[in-house]
N, C-alpha and C. Protein backbone atom coordinates (compact mmCIF):
# COMPACT_ATOMS: atom_id res chain seq x y z
N MET A 1 97.18 90.72 90.19
CA MET A 1 95.80 90.91 89.80
C MET A 1 94.91 90.14 90.77
N ALA A 2 93.70 90.63 90.90
CA ALA A 2 92.74 89.98 91.78
C ALA A 2 91.36 90.03 91.14
N GLN A 3 90.66 88.94 91.24
CA GLN A 3 89.26 88.92 90.83
C GLN A 3 88.42 89.29 92.03
N ILE A 4 87.60 90.33 91.87
CA ILE A 4 86.74 90.82 92.94
C ILE A 4 85.30 90.69 92.45
N THR A 5 84.44 90.16 93.30
CA THR A 5 83.03 90.04 92.97
C THR A 5 82.24 91.06 93.76
N TYR A 6 81.47 91.86 93.03
CA TYR A 6 80.59 92.87 93.62
C TYR A 6 79.17 92.32 93.54
N VAL A 7 78.47 92.29 94.65
CA VAL A 7 77.10 91.83 94.68
C VAL A 7 76.22 93.04 94.99
N GLU A 8 75.42 93.42 94.00
CA GLU A 8 74.56 94.58 94.15
C GLU A 8 73.40 94.25 95.07
N ALA A 9 72.72 95.27 95.59
CA ALA A 9 71.58 95.07 96.50
C ALA A 9 70.49 94.23 95.84
N SER A 10 70.39 94.28 94.52
CA SER A 10 69.40 93.50 93.79
C SER A 10 69.75 92.02 93.73
N GLY A 11 71.00 91.69 94.09
CA GLY A 11 71.46 90.31 94.03
C GLY A 11 72.33 90.02 92.81
N GLN A 12 72.35 90.93 91.84
CA GLN A 12 73.18 90.73 90.65
C GLN A 12 74.64 90.82 91.04
N SER A 13 75.42 89.88 90.56
CA SER A 13 76.86 89.92 90.87
C SER A 13 77.66 90.15 89.60
N THR A 14 78.76 90.85 89.77
CA THR A 14 79.69 91.14 88.69
C THR A 14 81.09 90.86 89.20
N THR A 15 81.85 90.07 88.48
CA THR A 15 83.23 89.79 88.86
C THR A 15 84.14 90.50 87.88
N VAL A 16 85.09 91.26 88.41
CA VAL A 16 86.04 91.98 87.58
C VAL A 16 87.46 91.65 88.03
N GLU A 17 88.38 91.75 87.11
CA GLU A 17 89.79 91.54 87.42
C GLU A 17 90.44 92.90 87.58
N LEU A 18 91.03 93.13 88.75
CA LEU A 18 91.65 94.42 89.05
C LEU A 18 93.16 94.30 89.09
N ALA A 19 93.81 95.27 88.52
CA ALA A 19 95.27 95.35 88.58
C ALA A 19 95.69 95.68 90.00
N ASP A 20 96.84 95.21 90.38
CA ASP A 20 97.39 95.50 91.70
C ASP A 20 97.43 97.01 91.92
N GLY A 21 96.98 97.44 93.09
CA GLY A 21 97.00 98.85 93.43
C GLY A 21 95.73 99.61 93.10
N TRP A 22 94.88 99.04 92.26
CA TRP A 22 93.60 99.68 91.97
C TRP A 22 92.71 99.54 93.19
N SER A 23 91.93 100.56 93.48
CA SER A 23 90.98 100.45 94.58
C SER A 23 89.74 99.70 94.10
N LEU A 24 89.03 99.13 95.04
CA LEU A 24 87.79 98.45 94.70
C LEU A 24 86.78 99.43 94.11
N MET A 25 86.83 100.70 94.54
CA MET A 25 85.97 101.72 93.97
C MET A 25 86.31 101.95 92.50
N GLN A 26 87.60 102.07 92.18
CA GLN A 26 88.00 102.27 90.80
C GLN A 26 87.55 101.11 89.92
N GLY A 27 87.70 99.90 90.44
CA GLY A 27 87.29 98.72 89.69
C GLY A 27 85.80 98.72 89.41
N ALA A 28 85.01 99.11 90.39
CA ALA A 28 83.56 99.14 90.21
C ALA A 28 83.14 100.21 89.22
N THR A 29 83.65 101.41 89.38
CA THR A 29 83.23 102.49 88.49
C THR A 29 83.72 102.28 87.07
N ALA A 30 84.92 101.75 86.89
CA ALA A 30 85.46 101.50 85.55
C ALA A 30 84.73 100.39 84.83
N ASN A 31 84.06 99.52 85.59
CA ASN A 31 83.38 98.38 84.98
C ASN A 31 81.85 98.48 85.06
N GLY A 32 81.34 99.67 85.37
CA GLY A 32 79.91 99.91 85.34
C GLY A 32 79.10 99.17 86.39
N VAL A 33 79.72 98.90 87.53
CA VAL A 33 79.00 98.23 88.61
C VAL A 33 78.07 99.25 89.27
N ASP A 34 76.77 98.96 89.28
CA ASP A 34 75.82 99.84 89.96
C ASP A 34 75.99 99.69 91.46
N GLY A 35 75.83 100.77 92.17
CA GLY A 35 75.87 100.69 93.62
C GLY A 35 77.08 101.34 94.25
N ILE A 36 78.07 101.70 93.45
CA ILE A 36 79.21 102.46 93.96
C ILE A 36 79.32 103.72 93.14
N LEU A 37 79.18 104.86 93.81
CA LEU A 37 79.23 106.14 93.11
C LEU A 37 80.63 106.73 93.08
N GLY A 38 81.30 106.75 94.21
CA GLY A 38 82.65 107.31 94.27
C GLY A 38 82.70 108.77 93.88
N GLU A 39 81.77 109.56 94.42
CA GLU A 39 81.66 110.97 94.04
C GLU A 39 82.93 111.79 94.29
N CYS A 40 83.71 111.43 95.30
CA CYS A 40 84.92 112.21 95.61
C CYS A 40 86.13 111.71 94.83
N GLY A 41 85.95 110.70 94.00
CA GLY A 41 87.05 110.19 93.19
C GLY A 41 88.05 109.35 93.95
N GLY A 42 87.70 108.95 95.15
CA GLY A 42 88.58 108.07 95.91
C GLY A 42 89.43 108.76 96.96
N SER A 43 89.06 109.98 97.33
CA SER A 43 89.86 110.71 98.32
C SER A 43 89.34 110.55 99.75
N CYS A 44 88.46 109.59 99.97
CA CYS A 44 87.93 109.29 101.31
C CYS A 44 87.24 110.52 101.90
N ALA A 45 86.38 111.15 101.06
CA ALA A 45 85.73 112.38 101.51
C ALA A 45 84.22 112.39 101.30
N CYS A 46 83.61 111.25 100.90
CA CYS A 46 82.18 111.31 100.64
C CYS A 46 81.37 110.11 101.10
N ALA A 47 81.97 108.97 101.30
CA ALA A 47 81.29 107.74 101.75
C ALA A 47 80.31 107.16 100.73
N THR A 48 80.43 107.54 99.44
CA THR A 48 79.53 106.99 98.43
C THR A 48 80.09 105.74 97.76
N CYS A 49 81.08 105.14 98.39
CA CYS A 49 81.61 103.85 97.92
C CYS A 49 81.55 102.82 99.04
N HIS A 50 80.60 103.04 99.95
CA HIS A 50 80.38 102.15 101.09
C HIS A 50 80.10 100.73 100.57
N CYS A 51 80.70 99.76 101.21
CA CYS A 51 80.46 98.36 100.86
C CYS A 51 80.59 97.50 102.10
N TYR A 52 80.11 96.28 101.98
CA TYR A 52 80.21 95.30 103.05
C TYR A 52 81.16 94.21 102.58
N VAL A 53 82.29 94.10 103.23
CA VAL A 53 83.31 93.11 102.87
C VAL A 53 82.91 91.76 103.45
N ASP A 54 83.12 90.73 102.66
CA ASP A 54 82.84 89.37 103.12
C ASP A 54 83.47 89.18 104.50
N GLU A 55 82.63 88.90 105.49
CA GLU A 55 83.11 88.83 106.87
C GLU A 55 84.19 87.77 107.08
N SER A 56 84.14 86.70 106.30
CA SER A 56 85.14 85.64 106.49
C SER A 56 86.52 86.07 106.03
N ARG A 57 86.60 87.19 105.29
CA ARG A 57 87.90 87.65 104.79
C ARG A 57 88.27 89.05 105.26
N SER A 58 87.42 89.67 106.04
CA SER A 58 87.69 91.06 106.45
C SER A 58 88.99 91.19 107.24
N HIS A 59 89.39 90.14 107.93
CA HIS A 59 90.65 90.17 108.69
C HIS A 59 91.88 90.25 107.78
N GLU A 60 91.72 89.99 106.49
CA GLU A 60 92.83 90.04 105.55
C GLU A 60 93.14 91.45 105.07
N LEU A 61 92.25 92.38 105.37
CA LEU A 61 92.42 93.76 104.93
C LEU A 61 93.16 94.58 105.98
N PRO A 62 93.89 95.60 105.54
CA PRO A 62 94.47 96.52 106.52
C PRO A 62 93.35 97.18 107.32
N ALA A 63 93.61 97.50 108.55
CA ALA A 63 92.60 98.17 109.38
C ALA A 63 92.23 99.51 108.76
N PRO A 64 90.98 99.93 108.92
CA PRO A 64 90.60 101.24 108.38
C PRO A 64 91.32 102.37 109.11
N SER A 65 91.63 103.42 108.37
CA SER A 65 92.27 104.60 108.97
C SER A 65 91.24 105.38 109.78
N GLU A 66 91.73 106.33 110.56
CA GLU A 66 90.83 107.20 111.32
C GLU A 66 89.90 107.95 110.37
N GLY A 67 90.45 108.40 109.24
CA GLY A 67 89.64 109.12 108.25
C GLY A 67 88.52 108.26 107.68
N GLU A 68 88.85 107.01 107.38
CA GLU A 68 87.83 106.11 106.86
C GLU A 68 86.75 105.86 107.92
N LEU A 69 87.16 105.63 109.15
CA LEU A 69 86.19 105.40 110.23
C LEU A 69 85.27 106.61 110.39
N ALA A 70 85.83 107.80 110.28
CA ALA A 70 85.01 109.01 110.39
C ALA A 70 84.01 109.10 109.24
N MET A 71 84.44 108.77 108.03
CA MET A 71 83.53 108.82 106.89
C MET A 71 82.45 107.75 106.99
N LEU A 72 82.77 106.61 107.57
CA LEU A 72 81.76 105.55 107.73
C LEU A 72 80.62 105.99 108.65
N ASP A 73 80.86 107.01 109.46
CA ASP A 73 79.78 107.55 110.29
C ASP A 73 78.74 108.27 109.44
N ASN A 74 79.05 108.53 108.18
CA ASN A 74 78.16 109.30 107.30
C ASN A 74 77.49 108.46 106.21
N VAL A 75 77.58 107.15 106.28
CA VAL A 75 76.99 106.32 105.22
C VAL A 75 75.47 106.39 105.27
N SER A 76 74.84 106.23 104.10
CA SER A 76 73.39 106.31 103.99
C SER A 76 72.70 105.03 104.42
N SER A 77 73.31 103.91 104.12
CA SER A 77 72.74 102.61 104.49
C SER A 77 73.31 102.18 105.84
N GLU A 78 72.77 101.12 106.35
CA GLU A 78 73.20 100.62 107.65
C GLU A 78 74.71 100.40 107.71
N ARG A 79 75.32 100.92 108.75
CA ARG A 79 76.74 100.65 109.00
C ARG A 79 76.83 99.35 109.78
N ARG A 80 77.67 98.45 109.31
CA ARG A 80 77.84 97.14 109.93
C ARG A 80 79.31 96.97 110.33
N PRO A 81 79.61 95.95 111.14
CA PRO A 81 81.01 95.71 111.52
C PRO A 81 81.93 95.49 110.31
N ASN A 82 81.38 94.99 109.20
CA ASN A 82 82.19 94.74 108.00
C ASN A 82 82.07 95.86 106.97
N SER A 83 81.55 97.02 107.37
CA SER A 83 81.45 98.17 106.47
C SER A 83 82.84 98.73 106.20
N ARG A 84 83.09 99.02 104.95
CA ARG A 84 84.34 99.67 104.53
C ARG A 84 84.03 100.62 103.39
N LEU A 85 84.99 101.49 103.08
CA LEU A 85 84.91 102.33 101.89
C LEU A 85 85.75 101.66 100.82
N ALA A 86 85.14 101.40 99.68
CA ALA A 86 85.83 100.69 98.61
C ALA A 86 87.03 101.47 98.07
N CYS A 87 87.04 102.78 98.25
CA CYS A 87 88.18 103.58 97.78
C CYS A 87 89.44 103.33 98.60
N GLN A 88 89.27 102.75 99.77
CA GLN A 88 90.41 102.54 100.67
C GLN A 88 90.96 101.12 100.63
N ILE A 89 90.37 100.26 99.81
CA ILE A 89 90.82 98.88 99.71
C ILE A 89 91.51 98.71 98.36
N LYS A 90 92.78 98.38 98.40
CA LYS A 90 93.58 98.22 97.18
C LYS A 90 93.69 96.75 96.79
N ALA A 91 93.51 96.50 95.51
CA ALA A 91 93.60 95.13 94.99
C ALA A 91 95.04 94.62 95.09
N SER A 92 95.14 93.34 95.39
CA SER A 92 96.43 92.65 95.41
C SER A 92 96.11 91.17 95.21
N PRO A 93 97.12 90.37 94.85
CA PRO A 93 96.87 88.94 94.69
C PRO A 93 96.27 88.30 95.95
N ALA A 94 96.59 88.82 97.12
CA ALA A 94 96.06 88.27 98.37
C ALA A 94 94.54 88.41 98.47
N LEU A 95 93.97 89.36 97.74
CA LEU A 95 92.53 89.58 97.80
C LEU A 95 91.76 88.85 96.69
N ASP A 96 92.46 88.05 95.91
CA ASP A 96 91.80 87.33 94.82
C ASP A 96 90.60 86.55 95.35
N GLY A 97 89.46 86.71 94.71
CA GLY A 97 88.25 86.00 95.10
C GLY A 97 87.41 86.72 96.14
N LEU A 98 87.82 87.92 96.55
CA LEU A 98 87.07 88.67 97.55
C LEU A 98 85.67 89.01 97.03
N VAL A 99 84.69 88.92 97.91
CA VAL A 99 83.31 89.29 97.59
C VAL A 99 82.93 90.49 98.45
N VAL A 100 82.39 91.51 97.80
CA VAL A 100 81.87 92.67 98.53
C VAL A 100 80.40 92.86 98.15
N HIS A 101 79.61 93.14 99.14
CA HIS A 101 78.18 93.41 98.92
C HIS A 101 77.95 94.90 98.97
N LEU A 102 77.07 95.38 98.12
CA LEU A 102 76.81 96.81 98.03
C LEU A 102 75.48 97.14 98.69
N PRO A 103 75.40 98.26 99.39
CA PRO A 103 74.16 98.63 100.08
C PRO A 103 73.09 99.09 99.09
N GLU A 104 71.88 99.24 99.61
CA GLU A 104 70.76 99.66 98.77
C GLU A 104 70.91 101.08 98.26
N THR A 105 71.54 101.93 99.03
CA THR A 105 71.71 103.32 98.61
C THR A 105 73.06 103.87 99.05
N GLN A 106 73.56 104.83 98.30
CA GLN A 106 74.81 105.50 98.65
C GLN A 106 74.56 107.00 98.92
N GLU A 107 73.34 107.44 98.72
CA GLU A 107 73.08 108.88 98.84
C GLU A 107 72.41 109.22 100.13
C-alpha cells in the first residue's frame, strides 16, 4: 500500500491510501479527487489524468512509454519535465508518500 497526496490546482490536498497495483488515476477517481477525469478509463488514450509528479521523486518511477509520451503531447495544461499520466503510474510501497500536483484543466 502507498499513501499518495494529490494537490489540486486550488491548493487543496487529499491523501489516499492505494492498494498495490492501483493506478494513481484510479485512486483519484475512486476517492473523489477533483482534477483528474480519466475519461478513457486508464487506457492511455485521452490525457485527462495529466499530473505533475514531485520532481524530487520522479526518478523513482518507471520511464514513460512511447504511448504515454505521445499522449502527453495532447495535454491541455502546460507540459513540464515532470508531467506524467496518472493512469500509467502504479502504486507500490516504494511510492509511499508521493505527492502529485494536478493542473488547472484537463480538457
